[in-house]
Structure formats: C-alpha cells, structure tokens
C-alpha cells in the first residue's frame, strides 16, 4: 500500500480559529503538497462537518491542496474490512495535538 497521510485541518494546515478559518500554515501545506506529488495518498482528517467542512475544503483548494479522501479510509482498506470504519487508517498522522508516547526515539 502507498504512504497514506491523515492530516488534521484546524491548527495543522490552518491556524486554529474555530469556527472560522485561520491563516494558512505554509510549511505544513507545502509539505503535504510535496508528499502528494511524490505519490502519497492524503486524507483530510477533521471533526468539521457540513458547511464548516465545505469551508475547510475550499480553503485548502484555494492554496492548491486537494485531498484524495475526506474523513474516510482508502478504498483498499474499505474493501478489506467490508466497511468504512470510523477510525481512519494511515501510515502517518499529522495533528497539532500530537503527543509523544516515548516510542519514537525522540525526547518527549
């Protein structure tokens, strides 16, 4: 399976100004675009729904970032599980609330 990256919106791609859209966080957006250009599958992984989700997607599109999936698993995993589980499966998770659990080899 390809590299699959689940990326949070508020505080990760755009400054956290919930319920508004904050300013873009250019280094993270550029890294995401680079990963996609190099073959990674991107999943927008957010609690936003309805109109607020549409606003987030529009903000991403305005900075040239588009996702392969939004709050859903890749097709390969949906087929394997026979459903789309609530928990998003990915090889990487980008989130502003990241917590080191001491297994990454870095100091927490």
PDB file of N, CA and C in Angstrom:
ATOM      1  N   UNK A   1       0.842  -1.177   0.000  1.00  0.00           N
ATOM      2  CA  UNK A   1       0.000   0.000   0.000  1.00  0.00           C
ATOM      3  C   UNK A   1       0.889   1.243   0.000  1.00  0.00           C
ATOM      4  N   UNK A   2       0.422   2.270  -0.656  1.00  0.00           N
ATOM      5  CA  UNK A   2       1.142   3.537  -0.697  1.00  0.00           C
ATOM      6  C   UNK A   2       1.171   4.183   0.680  1.00  0.00           C
ATOM      7  N   UNK A   3       2.009   5.199   0.807  1.00  0.00           N
ATOM      8  CA  UNK A   3       2.019   6.019   2.008  1.00  0.00           C
ATOM      9  C   UNK A   3       0.673   6.730   2.090  1.00  0.00           C
ATOM     10  N   UNK A   4       0.020   6.630   3.237  1.00  0.00           N
ATOM     11  CA  UNK A   4      -1.273   7.280   3.457  1.00  0.00           C
ATOM     12  C   UNK A   4      -1.099   8.232   4.628  1.00  0.00           C
ATOM     13  N   UNK A   5      -1.408   9.514   4.402  1.00  0.00           N
ATOM     14  CA  UNK A   5      -1.241  10.526   5.445  1.00  0.00           C
ATOM     15  C   UNK A   5      -2.598  11.127   5.787  1.00  0.00           C
ATOM     16  N   UNK A   6      -2.983  10.985   7.059  1.00  0.00           N
ATOM     17  CA  UNK A   6      -4.207  11.597   7.567  1.00  0.00           C
ATOM     18  C   UNK A   6      -3.813  12.928   8.200  1.00  0.00           C
ATOM     19  N   UNK A   7      -4.397  14.019   7.697  1.00  0.00           N
ATOM     20  CA  UNK A   7      -3.981  15.360   8.120  1.00  0.00           C
ATOM     21  C   UNK A   7      -5.153  16.120   8.716  1.00  0.00           C
ATOM     22  N   UNK A   8      -4.947  16.606   9.942  1.00  0.00           N
ATOM     23  CA  UNK A   8      -5.925  17.449  10.616  1.00  0.00           C
ATOM     24  C   UNK A   8      -5.951  18.826   9.952  1.00  0.00           C
ATOM     25  N   UNK A   9      -7.070  19.517  10.089  1.00  0.00           N
ATOM     26  CA  UNK A   9      -7.205  20.845   9.478  1.00  0.00           C
ATOM     27  C   UNK A   9      -6.847  21.961  10.460  1.00  0.00           C
ATOM     28  N   UNK A  10      -7.679  22.149  11.492  1.00  0.00           N
ATOM     29  CA  UNK A  10      -7.504  23.271  12.429  1.00  0.00           C
ATOM     30  C   UNK A  10      -6.244  23.093  13.272  1.00  0.00           C
ATOM     31  N   UNK A  11      -5.348  24.065  13.157  1.00  0.00           N
ATOM     32  CA  UNK A  11      -4.113  24.040  13.926  1.00  0.00           C
ATOM     33  C   UNK A  11      -2.978  23.303  13.240  1.00  0.00           C
ATOM     34  N   UNK A  12      -3.273  22.594  12.158  1.00  0.00           N
ATOM     35  CA  UNK A  12      -2.246  21.848  11.435  1.00  0.00           C
ATOM     36  C   UNK A  12      -2.015  22.436  10.050  1.00  0.00           C
ATOM     37  N   UNK A  13      -3.078  22.576   9.277  1.00  0.00           N
ATOM     38  CA  UNK A  13      -2.960  23.196   7.954  1.00  0.00           C
ATOM     39  C   UNK A  13      -3.260  24.686   7.985  1.00  0.00           C
ATOM     40  N   UNK A  14      -4.185  25.056   8.861  1.00  0.00           N
ATOM     41  CA  UNK A  14      -4.574  26.460   9.044  1.00  0.00           C
ATOM     42  C   UNK A  14      -4.590  26.749  10.541  1.00  0.00           C
ATOM     43  N   UNK A  15      -4.250  27.986  10.915  1.00  0.00           N
ATOM     44  CA  UNK A  15      -4.277  28.342  12.328  1.00  0.00           C
ATOM     45  C   UNK A  15      -5.639  28.013  12.918  1.00  0.00           C
ATOM     46  N   UNK A  16      -5.650  27.591  14.159  1.00  0.00           N
ATOM     47  CA  UNK A  16      -6.887  27.206  14.815  1.00  0.00           C
ATOM     48  C   UNK A  16      -7.681  28.449  15.232  1.00  0.00           C
ATOM     49  N   UNK A  17      -8.708  28.759  14.479  1.00  0.00           N
ATOM     50  CA  UNK A  17      -9.594  29.892  14.747  1.00  0.00           C
ATOM     51  C   UNK A  17     -11.043  29.423  14.769  1.00  0.00           C
ATOM     52  N   UNK A  18     -11.252  28.128  15.064  1.00  0.00           N
ATOM     53  CA  UNK A  18     -12.590  27.540  15.040  1.00  0.00           C
ATOM     54  C   UNK A  18     -13.608  28.499  15.647  1.00  0.00           C
ATOM     55  N   UNK A  19     -14.750  28.730  15.034  1.00  0.00           N
ATOM     56  CA  UNK A  19     -15.286  28.043  13.852  1.00  0.00           C
ATOM     57  C   UNK A  19     -14.869  28.698  12.533  1.00  0.00           C
ATOM     58  N   UNK A  20     -14.081  29.759  12.616  1.00  0.00           N
ATOM     59  CA  UNK A  20     -13.602  30.433  11.408  1.00  0.00           C
ATOM     60  C   UNK A  20     -12.415  29.667  10.833  1.00  0.00           C
ATOM     61  N   UNK A  21     -11.964  30.123   9.675  1.00  0.00           N
ATOM     62  CA  UNK A  21     -10.765  29.562   9.041  1.00  0.00           C
ATOM     63  C   UNK A  21      -9.601  30.486   9.368  1.00  0.00           C
ATOM     64  N   UNK A  22      -8.565  29.935   9.995  1.00  0.00           N
ATOM     65  CA  UNK A  22      -7.384  30.727  10.314  1.00  0.00           C
ATOM     66  C   UNK A  22      -6.492  30.914   9.094  1.00  0.00           C
ATOM     67  N   UNK A  23      -5.368  31.540   9.342  1.00  0.00           N
ATOM     68  CA  UNK A  23      -4.391  31.761   8.273  1.00  0.00           C
ATOM     69  C   UNK A  23      -3.708  30.433   7.912  1.00  0.00           C
ATOM     70  N   UNK A  24      -3.348  30.275   6.645  1.00  0.00           N
ATOM     71  CA  UNK A  24      -2.662  29.044   6.221  1.00  0.00           C
ATOM     72  C   UNK A  24      -1.324  28.875   6.940  1.00  0.00           C
ATOM     73  N   UNK A  25      -0.972  27.658   7.251  1.00  0.00           N
ATOM     74  CA  UNK A  25       0.340  27.325   7.810  1.00  0.00           C
ATOM     75  C   UNK A  25       1.160  26.764   6.649  1.00  0.00           C
ATOM     76  N   UNK A  26       1.837  27.675   5.958  1.00  0.00           N
ATOM     77  CA  UNK A  26       2.500  27.367   4.687  1.00  0.00           C
ATOM     78  C   UNK A  26       3.456  26.176   4.745  1.00  0.00           C
ATOM     79  N   UNK A  27       4.329  26.053   5.756  1.00  0.00           N
ATOM     80  CA  UNK A  27       5.253  24.904   5.733  1.00  0.00           C
ATOM     81  C   UNK A  27       4.519  23.556   5.722  1.00  0.00           C
ATOM     82  N   UNK A  28       3.433  23.440   6.473  1.00  0.00           N
ATOM     83  CA  UNK A  28       2.689  22.176   6.515  1.00  0.00           C
ATOM     84  C   UNK A  28       1.929  21.934   5.219  1.00  0.00           C
ATOM     85  N   UNK A  29       1.359  22.995   4.670  1.00  0.00           N
ATOM     86  CA  UNK A  29       0.643  22.876   3.396  1.00  0.00           C
ATOM     87  C   UNK A  29       1.608  22.474   2.287  1.00  0.00           C
ATOM     88  N   UNK A  30       2.759  23.127   2.242  1.00  0.00           N
ATOM     89  CA  UNK A  30       3.742  22.811   1.210  1.00  0.00           C
ATOM     90  C   UNK A  30       4.273  21.386   1.349  1.00  0.00           C
ATOM     91  N   UNK A  31       4.473  20.953   2.586  1.00  0.00           N
ATOM     92  CA  UNK A  31       4.936  19.570   2.808  1.00  0.00           C
ATOM     93  C   UNK A  31       3.873  18.584   2.332  1.00  0.00           C
ATOM     94  N   UNK A  32       2.603  18.866   2.622  1.00  0.00           N
ATOM     95  CA  UNK A  32       1.521  17.978   2.188  1.00  0.00           C
ATOM     96  C   UNK A  32       1.467  17.910   0.660  1.00  0.00           C
ATOM     97  N   UNK A  33       1.581  19.062   0.012  1.00  0.00           N
ATOM     98  CA  UNK A  33       1.563  19.080  -1.457  1.00  0.00           C
ATOM     99  C   UNK A  33       2.746  18.301  -2.026  1.00  0.00           C
ATOM    100  N   UNK A  34       3.903  18.419  -1.391  1.00  0.00           N
ATOM    101  CA  UNK A  34       5.085  17.688  -1.836  1.00  0.00           C
ATOM    102  C   UNK A  34       4.896  16.178  -1.660  1.00  0.00           C
ATOM    103  N   UNK A  35       4.327  15.771  -0.529  1.00  0.00           N
ATOM    104  CA  UNK A  35       4.069  14.347  -0.294  1.00  0.00           C
ATOM    105  C   UNK A  35       3.128  13.798  -1.358  1.00  0.00           C
ATOM    106  N   UNK A  36       2.068  14.561  -1.675  1.00  0.00           N
ATOM    107  CA  UNK A  36       1.110  14.126  -2.692  1.00  0.00           C
ATOM    108  C   UNK A  36       1.794  14.013  -4.059  1.00  0.00           C
ATOM    109  N   UNK A  37       2.621  15.000  -4.380  1.00  0.00           N
ATOM    110  CA  UNK A  37       3.341  14.983  -5.656  1.00  0.00           C
ATOM    111  C   UNK A  37       4.268  13.771  -5.753  1.00  0.00           C
ATOM    112  N   UNK A  38       4.719  13.267  -4.602  1.00  0.00           N
ATOM    113  CA  UNK A  38       5.608  12.105  -4.566  1.00  0.00           C
ATOM    114  C   UNK A  38       4.850  10.795  -4.369  1.00  0.00           C
ATOM    115  N   UNK A  39       3.517  10.834  -4.550  1.00  0.00           N
ATOM    116  CA  UNK A  39       2.743   9.600  -4.564  1.00  0.00           C
ATOM    117  C   UNK A  39       1.957   9.260  -3.315  1.00  0.00           C
ATOM    118  N   UNK A  40       2.061  10.069  -2.269  1.00  0.00           N
ATOM    119  CA  UNK A  40       1.301   9.774  -1.050  1.00  0.00           C
ATOM    120  C   UNK A  40      -0.181  10.039  -1.276  1.00  0.00           C
ATOM    121  N   UNK A  41      -1.004   9.292  -0.564  1.00  0.00           N
ATOM    122  CA  UNK A  41      -2.450   9.499  -0.551  1.00  0.00           C
ATOM    123  C   UNK A  41      -2.759  10.385   0.648  1.00  0.00           C
ATOM    124  N   UNK A  42      -3.521  11.464   0.432  1.00  0.00           N
ATOM    125  CA  UNK A  42      -3.849  12.391   1.515  1.00  0.00           C
ATOM    126  C   UNK A  42      -5.308  12.260   1.925  1.00  0.00           C
ATOM    127  N   UNK A  43      -5.517  12.168   3.234  1.00  0.00           N
ATOM    128  CA  UNK A  43      -6.861  12.143   3.798  1.00  0.00           C
ATOM    129  C   UNK A  43      -7.024  13.365   4.691  1.00  0.00           C
ATOM    130  N   UNK A  44      -8.034  14.174   4.421  1.00  0.00           N
ATOM    131  CA  UNK A  44      -8.353  15.255   5.351  1.00  0.00           C
ATOM    132  C   UNK A  44      -9.083  14.606   6.522  1.00  0.00           C
ATOM    133  N   UNK A  45      -8.527  14.769   7.706  1.00  0.00           N
ATOM    134  CA  UNK A  45      -8.970  14.080   8.915  1.00  0.00           C
ATOM    135  C   UNK A  45      -9.381  15.151   9.918  1.00  0.00           C
ATOM    136  N   UNK A  46     -10.665  15.479   9.920  1.00  0.00           N
ATOM    137  CA  UNK A  46     -11.137  16.622  10.701  1.00  0.00           C
ATOM    138  C   UNK A  46     -12.485  16.334  11.343  1.00  0.00           C
ATOM    139  N   UNK A  47     -12.773  17.062  12.405  1.00  0.00           N
ATOM    140  CA  UNK A  47     -14.091  16.963  13.058  1.00  0.00           C
ATOM    141  C   UNK A  47     -15.108  17.863  12.375  1.00  0.00           C
ATOM    142  N   UNK A  48     -14.663  18.704  11.453  1.00  0.00           N
ATOM    143  CA  UNK A  48     -15.593  19.607  10.764  1.00  0.00           C
ATOM    144  C   UNK A  48     -16.596  18.802   9.944  1.00  0.00           C
ATOM    145  N   UNK A  49     -17.830  19.314   9.903  1.00  0.00           N
ATOM    146  CA  UNK A  49     -18.901  18.686   9.128  1.00  0.00           C
ATOM    147  C   UNK A  49     -19.670  19.757   8.377  1.00  0.00           C
ATOM    148  N   UNK A  50     -20.482  19.321   7.431  1.00  0.00           N
ATOM    149  CA  UNK A  50     -21.406  20.207   6.733  1.00  0.00           C
ATOM    150  C   UNK A  50     -20.750  21.443   6.158  1.00  0.00           C
ATOM    151  N   UNK A  51     -21.328  22.600   6.454  1.00  0.00           N
ATOM    152  CA  UNK A  51     -20.842  23.869   5.922  1.00  0.00           C
ATOM    153  C   UNK A  51     -19.411  24.160   6.363  1.00  0.00           C
ATOM    154  N   UNK A  52     -19.069  23.842   7.594  1.00  0.00           N
ATOM    155  CA  UNK A  52     -17.709  24.098   8.097  1.00  0.00           C
ATOM    156  C   UNK A  52     -16.679  23.210   7.389  1.00  0.00           C
ATOM    157  N   UNK A  53     -17.074  22.002   7.041  1.00  0.00           N
ATOM    158  CA  UNK A  53     -16.195  21.126   6.265  1.00  0.00           C
ATOM    159  C   UNK A  53     -16.027  21.676   4.851  1.00  0.00           C
ATOM    160  N   UNK A  54     -17.116  22.132   4.254  1.00  0.00           N
ATOM    161  CA  UNK A  54     -17.047  22.718   2.904  1.00  0.00           C
ATOM    162  C   UNK A  54     -16.125  23.940   2.899  1.00  0.00           C
ATOM    163  N   UNK A  55     -16.181  24.750   3.952  1.00  0.00           N
ATOM    164  CA  UNK A  55     -15.301  25.922   4.056  1.00  0.00           C
ATOM    165  C   UNK A  55     -13.838  25.491   4.154  1.00  0.00           C
ATOM    166  N   UNK A  56     -13.571  24.440   4.921  1.00  0.00           N
ATOM    167  CA  UNK A  56     -12.196  23.946   5.058  1.00  0.00           C
ATOM    168  C   UNK A  56     -11.669  23.428   3.720  1.00  0.00           C
ATOM    169  N   UNK A  57     -12.491  22.671   3.022  1.00  0.00           N
ATOM    170  CA  UNK A  57     -12.079  22.151   1.714  1.00  0.00           C
ATOM    171  C   UNK A  57     -11.828  23.277   0.719  1.00  0.00           C
ATOM    172  N   UNK A  58     -12.668  24.304   0.757  1.00  0.00           N
ATOM    173  CA  UNK A  58     -12.481  25.454  -0.136  1.00  0.00           C
ATOM    174  C   UNK A  58     -11.192  26.191   0.198  1.00  0.00           C
ATOM    175  N   UNK A  59     -10.881  26.321   1.491  1.00  0.00           N
ATOM    176  CA  UNK A  59      -9.647  26.989   1.904  1.00  0.00           C
ATOM    177  C   UNK A  59      -8.427  26.199   1.426  1.00  0.00           C
ATOM    178  N   UNK A  60      -8.492  24.892   1.541  1.00  0.00           N
ATOM    179  CA  UNK A  60      -7.382  24.056   1.069  1.00  0.00           C
ATOM    180  C   UNK A  60      -7.218  24.178  -0.442  1.00  0.00           C
ATOM    181  N   UNK A  61      -8.324  24.126  -1.149  1.00  0.00           N
ATOM    182  CA  UNK A  61      -8.267  24.235  -2.609  1.00  0.00           C
ATOM    183  C   UNK A  61      -7.687  25.589  -3.033  1.00  0.00           C
ATOM    184  N   UNK A  62      -8.025  26.644  -2.277  1.00  0.00           N
ATOM    185  CA  UNK A  62      -7.535  27.989  -2.604  1.00  0.00           C
ATOM    186  C   UNK A  62      -6.012  28.087  -2.498  1.00  0.00           C
ATOM    187  N   UNK A  63      -5.391  27.227  -1.667  1.00  0.00           N
ATOM    188  CA  UNK A  63      -3.929  27.229  -1.554  1.00  0.00           C
ATOM    189  C   UNK A  63      -3.297  26.084  -2.339  1.00  0.00           C
ATOM    190  N   UNK A  64      -4.105  25.439  -3.188  1.00  0.00           N
ATOM    191  CA  UNK A  64      -3.577  24.406  -4.073  1.00  0.00           C
ATOM    192  C   UNK A  64      -3.441  23.032  -3.452  1.00  0.00           C
ATOM    193  N   UNK A  65      -4.162  22.784  -2.345  1.00  0.00           N
ATOM    194  CA  UNK A  65      -4.078  21.493  -1.683  1.00  0.00           C
ATOM    195  C   UNK A  65      -5.411  20.762  -1.812  1.00  0.00           C
ATOM    196  N   UNK A  66      -5.366  19.589  -2.439  1.00  0.00           N
ATOM    197  CA  UNK A  66      -6.578  18.782  -2.586  1.00  0.00           C
ATOM    198  C   UNK A  66      -6.319  17.392  -2.018  1.00  0.00           C
ATOM    199  N   UNK A  67      -7.383  16.789  -1.536  1.00  0.00           N
ATOM    200  CA  UNK A  67      -7.291  15.511  -0.839  1.00  0.00           C
ATOM    201  C   UNK A  67      -7.890  14.391  -1.665  1.00  0.00           C
ATOM    202  N   UNK A  68      -7.359  13.190  -1.437  1.00  0.00           N
ATOM    203  CA  UNK A  68      -7.879  12.006  -2.103  1.00  0.00           C
ATOM    204  C   UNK A  68      -9.133  11.500  -1.390  1.00  0.00           C
ATOM    205  N   UNK A  69      -9.187  11.696  -0.073  1.00  0.00           N
ATOM    206  CA  UNK A  69     -10.321  11.274   0.746  1.00  0.00           C
ATOM    207  C   UNK A  69     -10.563  12.315   1.826  1.00  0.00           C
ATOM    208  N   UNK A  70     -11.800  12.365   2.296  1.00  0.00           N
ATOM    209  CA  UNK A  70     -12.166  13.277   3.387  1.00  0.00           C
ATOM    210  C   UNK A  70     -12.891  12.457   4.448  1.00  0.00           C
ATOM    211  N   UNK A  71     -12.260  12.335   5.596  1.00  0.00           N
ATOM    212  CA  UNK A  71     -12.838  11.599   6.731  1.00  0.00           C
ATOM    213  C   UNK A  71     -13.298  10.195   6.361  1.00  0.00           C
ATOM    214  N   UNK A  72     -12.566   9.551   5.476  1.00  0.00           N
ATOM    215  CA  UNK A  72     -12.876   8.162   5.120  1.00  0.00           C
ATOM    216  C   UNK A  72     -11.581   7.443   4.780  1.00  0.00           C
ATOM    217  N   UNK A  73     -11.623   6.141   4.906  1.00  0.00           N
ATOM    218  CA  UNK A  73     -10.466   5.311   4.606  1.00  0.00           C
ATOM    219  C   UNK A  73     -10.279   5.145   3.105  1.00  0.00           C
ATOM    220  N   UNK A  74      -9.062   4.743   2.732  1.00  0.00           N
ATOM    221  CA  UNK A  74      -8.762   4.480   1.324  1.00  0.00           C
ATOM    222  C   UNK A  74      -9.588   3.282   0.864  1.00  0.00           C
ATOM    223  N   UNK A  75      -9.880   3.244  -0.428  1.00  0.00           N
ATOM    224  CA  UNK A  75     -10.716   2.175  -0.988  1.00  0.00           C
ATOM    225  C   UNK A  75     -10.183   0.783  -0.667  1.00  0.00           C
ATOM    226  N   UNK A  76      -8.874   0.606  -0.746  1.00  0.00           N
ATOM    227  CA  UNK A  76      -8.263  -0.696  -0.487  1.00  0.00           C
ATOM    228  C   UNK A  76      -8.642  -1.224   0.903  1.00  0.00           C
ATOM    229  N   UNK A  77      -8.637  -0.353   1.900  1.00  0.00           N
ATOM    230  CA  UNK A  77      -8.985  -0.782   3.252  1.00  0.00           C
ATOM    231  C   UNK A  77     -10.486  -0.978   3.427  1.00  0.00           C
ATOM    232  N   UNK A  78     -11.285  -0.155   2.766  1.00  0.00           N
ATOM    233  CA  UNK A  78     -12.738  -0.348   2.841  1.00  0.00           C
ATOM    234  C   UNK A  78     -13.112  -1.707   2.261  1.00  0.00           C
ATOM    235  N   UNK A  79     -12.451  -2.096   1.185  1.00  0.00           N
ATOM    236  CA  UNK A  79     -12.705  -3.405   0.581  1.00  0.00           C
ATOM    237  C   UNK A  79     -12.251  -4.523   1.515  1.00  0.00           C
ATOM    238  N   UNK A  80     -11.087  -4.343   2.120  1.00  0.00           N
ATOM    239  CA  UNK A  80     -10.543  -5.358   3.025  1.00  0.00           C
ATOM    240  C   UNK A  80     -11.463  -5.562   4.230  1.00  0.00           C
ATOM    241  N   UNK A  81     -11.954  -4.460   4.823  1.00  0.00           N
ATOM    242  CA  UNK A  81     -12.802  -4.535   6.012  1.00  0.00           C
ATOM    243  C   UNK A  81     -14.262  -4.809   5.675  1.00  0.00           C
ATOM    244  N   UNK A  82     -14.657  -4.555   4.425  1.00  0.00           N
ATOM    245  CA  UNK A  82     -16.056  -4.706   4.039  1.00  0.00           C
ATOM    246  C   UNK A  82     -16.919  -3.560   4.518  1.00  0.00           C
ATOM    247  N   UNK A  83     -16.280  -2.507   5.009  1.00  0.00           N
ATOM    248  CA  UNK A  83     -16.973  -1.318   5.517  1.00  0.00           C
ATOM    249  C   UNK A  83     -15.965  -0.178   5.608  1.00  0.00           C
ATOM    250  N   UNK A  84     -16.410   0.991   6.011  1.00  0.00           N
ATOM    251  CA  UNK A  84     -15.521   2.131   6.232  1.00  0.00           C
ATOM    252  C   UNK A  84     -15.527   2.439   7.728  1.00  0.00           C
ATOM    253  N   UNK A  85     -14.616   1.810   8.484  1.00  0.00           N
ATOM    254  CA  UNK A  85     -14.609   2.024   9.928  1.00  0.00           C
ATOM    255  C   UNK A  85     -14.433   3.496  10.294  1.00  0.00           C
ATOM    256  N   UNK A  86     -14.945   3.870  11.450  1.00  0.00           N
ATOM    257  CA  UNK A  86     -14.804   5.258  11.906  1.00  0.00           C
ATOM    258  C   UNK A  86     -13.344   5.651  12.071  1.00  0.00           C
ATOM    259  N   UNK A  87     -12.526   4.734  12.524  1.00  0.00           N
ATOM    260  CA  UNK A  87     -11.116   5.043  12.736  1.00  0.00           C
ATOM    261  C   UNK A  87     -10.401   5.065  11.390  1.00  0.00           C
ATOM    262  N   UNK A  88      -9.757   6.174  11.098  1.00  0.00           N
ATOM    263  CA  UNK A  88      -9.021   6.325   9.843  1.00  0.00           C
ATOM    264  C   UNK A  88      -7.670   5.621   9.973  1.00  0.00           C
ATOM    265  N   UNK A  89      -7.373   4.745   9.031  1.00  0.00           N
ATOM    266  CA  UNK A  89      -6.094   4.039   8.998  1.00  0.00           C
ATOM    267  C   UNK A  89      -5.140   4.803   8.087  1.00  0.00           C
ATOM    268  N   UNK A  90      -3.934   5.046   8.566  1.00  0.00           N
ATOM    269  CA  UNK A  90      -2.930   5.771   7.792  1.00  0.00           C
ATOM    270  C   UNK A  90      -1.546   5.308   8.219  1.00  0.00           C
ATOM    271  N   UNK A  91      -0.560   5.649   7.420  1.00  0.00           N
ATOM    272  CA  UNK A  91       0.818   5.355   7.800  1.00  0.00           C
ATOM    273  C   UNK A  91       1.426   6.518   8.568  1.00  0.00           C
ATOM    274  N   UNK A  92       0.826   7.722   8.425  1.00  0.00           N
ATOM    275  CA  UNK A  92       1.245   8.905   9.182  1.00  0.00           C
ATOM    276  C   UNK A  92       0.006   9.696   9.568  1.00  0.00           C
ATOM    277  N   UNK A  93       0.080  10.342  10.725  1.00  0.00           N
ATOM    278  CA  UNK A  93      -0.990  11.227  11.194  1.00  0.00           C
ATOM    279  C   UNK A  93      -0.364  12.576  11.533  1.00  0.00           C
ATOM    280  N   UNK A  94      -0.863  13.621  10.886  1.00  0.00           N
ATOM    281  CA  UNK A  94      -0.369  14.967  11.167  1.00  0.00           C
ATOM    282  C   UNK A  94      -1.445  15.697  11.961  1.00  0.00           C
ATOM    283  N   UNK A  95      -1.107  16.119  13.169  1.00  0.00           N
ATOM    284  CA  UNK A  95      -2.085  16.759  14.043  1.00  0.00           C
ATOM    285  C   UNK A  95      -1.355  17.698  14.989  1.00  0.00           C
ATOM    286  N   UNK A  96      -1.935  18.862  15.233  1.00  0.00           N
ATOM    287  CA  UNK A  96      -1.313  19.822  16.137  1.00  0.00           C
ATOM    288  C   UNK A  96      -1.364  19.357  17.595  1.00  0.00           C
ATOM    289  N   UNK A  97      -2.149  18.344  17.892  1.00  0.00           N
ATOM    290  CA  UNK A  97      -2.271  17.830  19.258  1.00  0.00           C
ATOM    291  C   UNK A  97      -1.421  16.575  19.462  1.00  0.00           C
ATOM    292  N   UNK A  98      -0.430  16.377  18.631  1.00  0.00           N
ATOM    293  CA  UNK A  98       0.429  15.199  18.684  1.00  0.00           C
ATOM    294  C   UNK A  98       1.059  15.066  20.063  1.00  0.00           C
ATOM    295  N   UNK A  99       1.080  13.859  20.565  1.00  0.00           N
ATOM    296  CA  UNK A  99       1.707  13.572  21.851  1.00  0.00           C
ATOM    297  C   UNK A  99       2.727  12.463  21.643  1.00  0.00           C
ATOM    298  N   UNK A 100       3.934  12.685  22.103  1.00  0.00           N
ATOM    299  CA  UNK A 100       4.958  11.649  22.027  1.00  0.00           C
ATOM    300  C   UNK A 100       4.709  10.656  23.150  1.00  0.00           C
ATOM    301  N   UNK A 101       4.689   9.398  22.808  1.00  0.00           N
ATOM    302  CA  UNK A 101       4.446   8.340  23.800  1.00  0.00           C
ATOM    303  C   UNK A 101       5.748   7.632  24.173  1.00  0.00           C
ATOM    304  N   UNK A 102       6.882   8.195  23.767  1.00  0.00           N
ATOM    305  CA  UNK A 102       8.166   7.633  24.132  1.00  0.00           C
ATOM    306  C   UNK A 102       8.664   6.524  23.224  1.00  0.00           C
ATOM    307  N   UNK A 103       7.933   6.231  22.145  1.00  0.00           N
ATOM    308  CA  UNK A 103       8.318   5.138  21.246  1.00  0.00           C
ATOM    309  C   UNK A 103       8.963   5.643  19.957  1.00  0.00           C
ATOM    310  N   UNK A 104       9.053   6.948  19.807  1.00  0.00           N
ATOM    311  CA  UNK A 104       9.523   7.497  18.532  1.00  0.00           C
ATOM    312  C   UNK A 104      11.044   7.666  18.490  1.00  0.00           C
ATOM    313  N   UNK A 105      11.714   7.401  19.605  1.00  0.00           N
ATOM    314  CA  UNK A 105      13.158   7.560  19.616  1.00  0.00           C
ATOM    315  C   UNK A 105      13.594   8.988  19.882  1.00  0.00           C
ATOM    316  N   UNK A 106      12.642   9.883  20.071  1.00  0.00           N
ATOM    317  CA  UNK A 106      12.935  11.288  20.365  1.00  0.00           C
ATOM    318  C   UNK A 106      12.571  11.563  21.808  1.00  0.00           C
ATOM    319  N   UNK A 107      13.170  12.615  22.326  1.00  0.00           N
ATOM    320  CA  UNK A 107      12.849  13.022  23.680  1.00  0.00           C
ATOM    321  C   UNK A 107      11.449  13.634  23.713  1.00  0.00           C
ATOM    322  N   UNK A 108      10.633  13.225  24.665  1.00  0.00           N
ATOM    323  CA  UNK A 108       9.258  13.740  24.778  1.00  0.00           C
ATOM    324  C   UNK A 108       9.221  15.055  25.529  1.00  0.00           C
TER     325      UNK A 108
END
